[in-house]
Amino acid sequence: QVQLVESGGDLVQAGGSLRLSCAASRIIFSFNAMGWYRQAPGKQRELVATITSGGSTNYADSVKGRFTISRDNAKNTVYLQMNSLKPEDTAVYYCNAQDVSYAYWGQGTQVTVSS
């Protein structure tokens, strides 16, 4: 059983920055891809950013140029650096790890951006 533990969520003012971390209980380069998703109240969960085992990244249009996904294989950890935060970035952020046939999820971390 794979465990993903997110941390780093907080209350921050608009224009501020946060870095989210996702620590995995398994070596992360064994996953096809890892990523961050978010879910705001009353909305569906949406993709924020992904990074493949080969290092390719993908971002939602709403966060391009502001967010950066990265990983540290030695620490089995994936990060999401979030800059120039906006109130509309407020959501619970979830870490995801994708195997060939299964997707793992963390418990989520709350990010709140005040205007």
Protein backbone atom coordinates (compact mmCIF):
# COMPACT_ATOMS: atom_id res chain seq x y z
CA GLN A 1 0.00 0.00 0.00
CA VAL A 2 1.41 3.34 -1.06
CA GLN A 3 1.03 6.34 1.21
CA LEU A 4 1.25 9.94 0.05
CA VAL A 5 1.52 12.62 2.72
CA GLU A 6 1.04 16.25 1.75
CA SER A 7 2.21 19.24 3.76
CA GLY A 8 2.76 22.95 3.35
CA GLY A 9 -0.78 24.24 3.02
CA ASP A 10 -1.50 27.49 4.82
CA LEU A 11 -3.34 30.80 4.82
CA VAL A 12 -1.51 33.37 2.69
CA GLN A 13 -2.28 36.79 1.27
CA ALA A 14 -2.79 37.33 -2.45
CA GLY A 15 0.55 37.70 -4.19
CA GLY A 16 2.29 35.46 -1.71
CA SER A 17 4.00 32.11 -2.14
CA LEU A 18 3.76 28.61 -0.72
CA ARG A 19 5.56 25.35 -1.33
CA LEU A 20 3.64 22.12 -1.00
CA SER A 21 5.41 18.82 -0.41
CA CYS A 22 4.24 15.26 -1.05
CA ALA A 23 6.24 12.50 0.59
CA ALA A 24 5.72 9.01 -0.83
CA SER A 25 6.24 5.69 0.94
CA ARG A 26 7.63 4.20 -2.28
CA ILE A 27 10.41 5.26 -4.64
CA ILE A 28 8.77 7.87 -6.81
CA PHE A 29 10.55 7.14 -10.07
CA SER A 30 8.68 3.83 -10.09
CA PHE A 31 5.47 5.73 -10.81
CA ASN A 32 4.51 6.64 -14.37
CA ALA A 33 3.71 10.14 -13.19
CA MET A 34 3.00 12.19 -10.11
CA GLY A 35 0.98 15.31 -9.82
CA TRP A 36 -1.04 17.83 -7.90
CA TYR A 37 -4.77 18.30 -8.15
CA ARG A 38 -7.05 20.71 -6.32
CA GLN A 39 -10.67 20.92 -5.33
CA ALA A 40 -12.42 24.11 -4.35
CA PRO A 41 -15.75 24.08 -2.45
CA GLY A 42 -18.60 23.17 -4.76
CA LYS A 43 -16.29 22.39 -7.67
CA GLN A 44 -14.84 19.27 -9.22
CA ARG A 45 -11.29 18.18 -8.59
CA GLU A 46 -9.01 19.58 -11.28
CA LEU A 47 -5.48 18.96 -12.46
CA VAL A 48 -2.90 21.53 -11.40
CA ALA A 49 0.41 20.04 -12.54
CA THR A 50 2.00 16.70 -13.34
CA ILE A 51 5.52 15.38 -13.76
CA THR A 52 6.35 12.10 -15.48
CA SER A 53 9.02 9.60 -14.57
CA GLY A 54 11.02 11.06 -17.43
CA GLY A 55 10.73 14.56 -16.02
CA SER A 56 8.19 16.02 -18.44
CA THR A 57 5.84 18.51 -16.85
CA ASN A 58 2.33 19.67 -17.61
CA TYR A 59 0.36 22.55 -16.10
CA ALA A 60 -3.17 23.81 -16.06
CA ASP A 61 -3.48 27.04 -18.03
CA SER A 62 -4.60 28.86 -14.89
CA VAL A 63 -1.29 28.23 -13.11
CA LYS A 64 1.24 28.37 -15.96
CA GLY A 65 4.03 30.78 -15.18
CA ARG A 66 3.12 30.89 -11.47
CA PHE A 67 3.44 27.27 -10.26
CA THR A 68 6.34 24.87 -10.66
CA ILE A 69 6.27 21.13 -10.01
CA SER A 70 9.50 19.35 -9.18
CA ARG A 71 10.70 16.22 -7.47
CA ASP A 72 13.57 14.94 -5.37
CA ASN A 73 14.03 11.24 -6.07
CA ALA A 74 16.45 10.83 -3.17
CA LYS A 75 13.77 12.05 -0.76
CA ASN A 76 10.84 10.40 -2.58
CA THR A 77 9.17 13.78 -2.51
CA VAL A 78 7.33 15.90 -5.06
CA TYR A 79 6.96 19.64 -4.62
CA LEU A 80 4.65 22.34 -5.90
CA GLN A 81 6.08 25.83 -5.70
CA MET A 82 3.24 28.32 -5.90
CA ASN A 83 4.00 31.99 -6.54
CA SER A 84 1.79 35.01 -7.16
CA LEU A 85 -1.09 33.28 -5.44
CA LYS A 86 -4.62 34.45 -6.15
CA PRO A 87 -7.83 34.04 -4.15
CA GLU A 88 -9.08 31.67 -6.85
CA ASP A 89 -6.21 29.32 -5.97
CA THR A 90 -7.97 28.58 -2.69
CA ALA A 91 -8.66 24.84 -2.52
CA VAL A 92 -7.66 21.55 -0.99
CA TYR A 93 -4.58 20.35 -2.86
CA TYR A 94 -4.12 16.63 -3.38
CA CYS A 95 -1.03 14.70 -4.35
CA ASN A 96 -1.47 11.94 -6.91
CA ALA A 97 0.77 9.06 -7.99
CA GLN A 98 -0.07 7.08 -11.09
CA ASP A 99 0.88 3.44 -11.56
CA VAL A 100 0.19 1.48 -14.73
CA SER A 101 -3.24 0.48 -13.47
CA TYR A 102 -3.86 2.36 -10.23
CA ALA A 103 -3.93 5.90 -8.92
CA TYR A 104 -2.95 6.78 -5.38
CA TRP A 105 -4.10 9.90 -3.53
CA GLY A 106 -2.99 11.76 -0.46
CA GLN A 107 -5.33 13.16 2.17
CA GLY A 108 -5.02 16.73 0.93
CA THR A 109 -3.69 20.00 2.32
CA GLN A 110 -5.68 23.23 2.55
CA VAL A 111 -4.46 26.34 0.75
CA THR A 112 -6.34 29.54 1.46
CA VAL A 113 -5.48 32.80 -0.31
CA SER A 114 -6.98 35.96 1.14
CA SER A 115 -7.61 39.07 -0.93
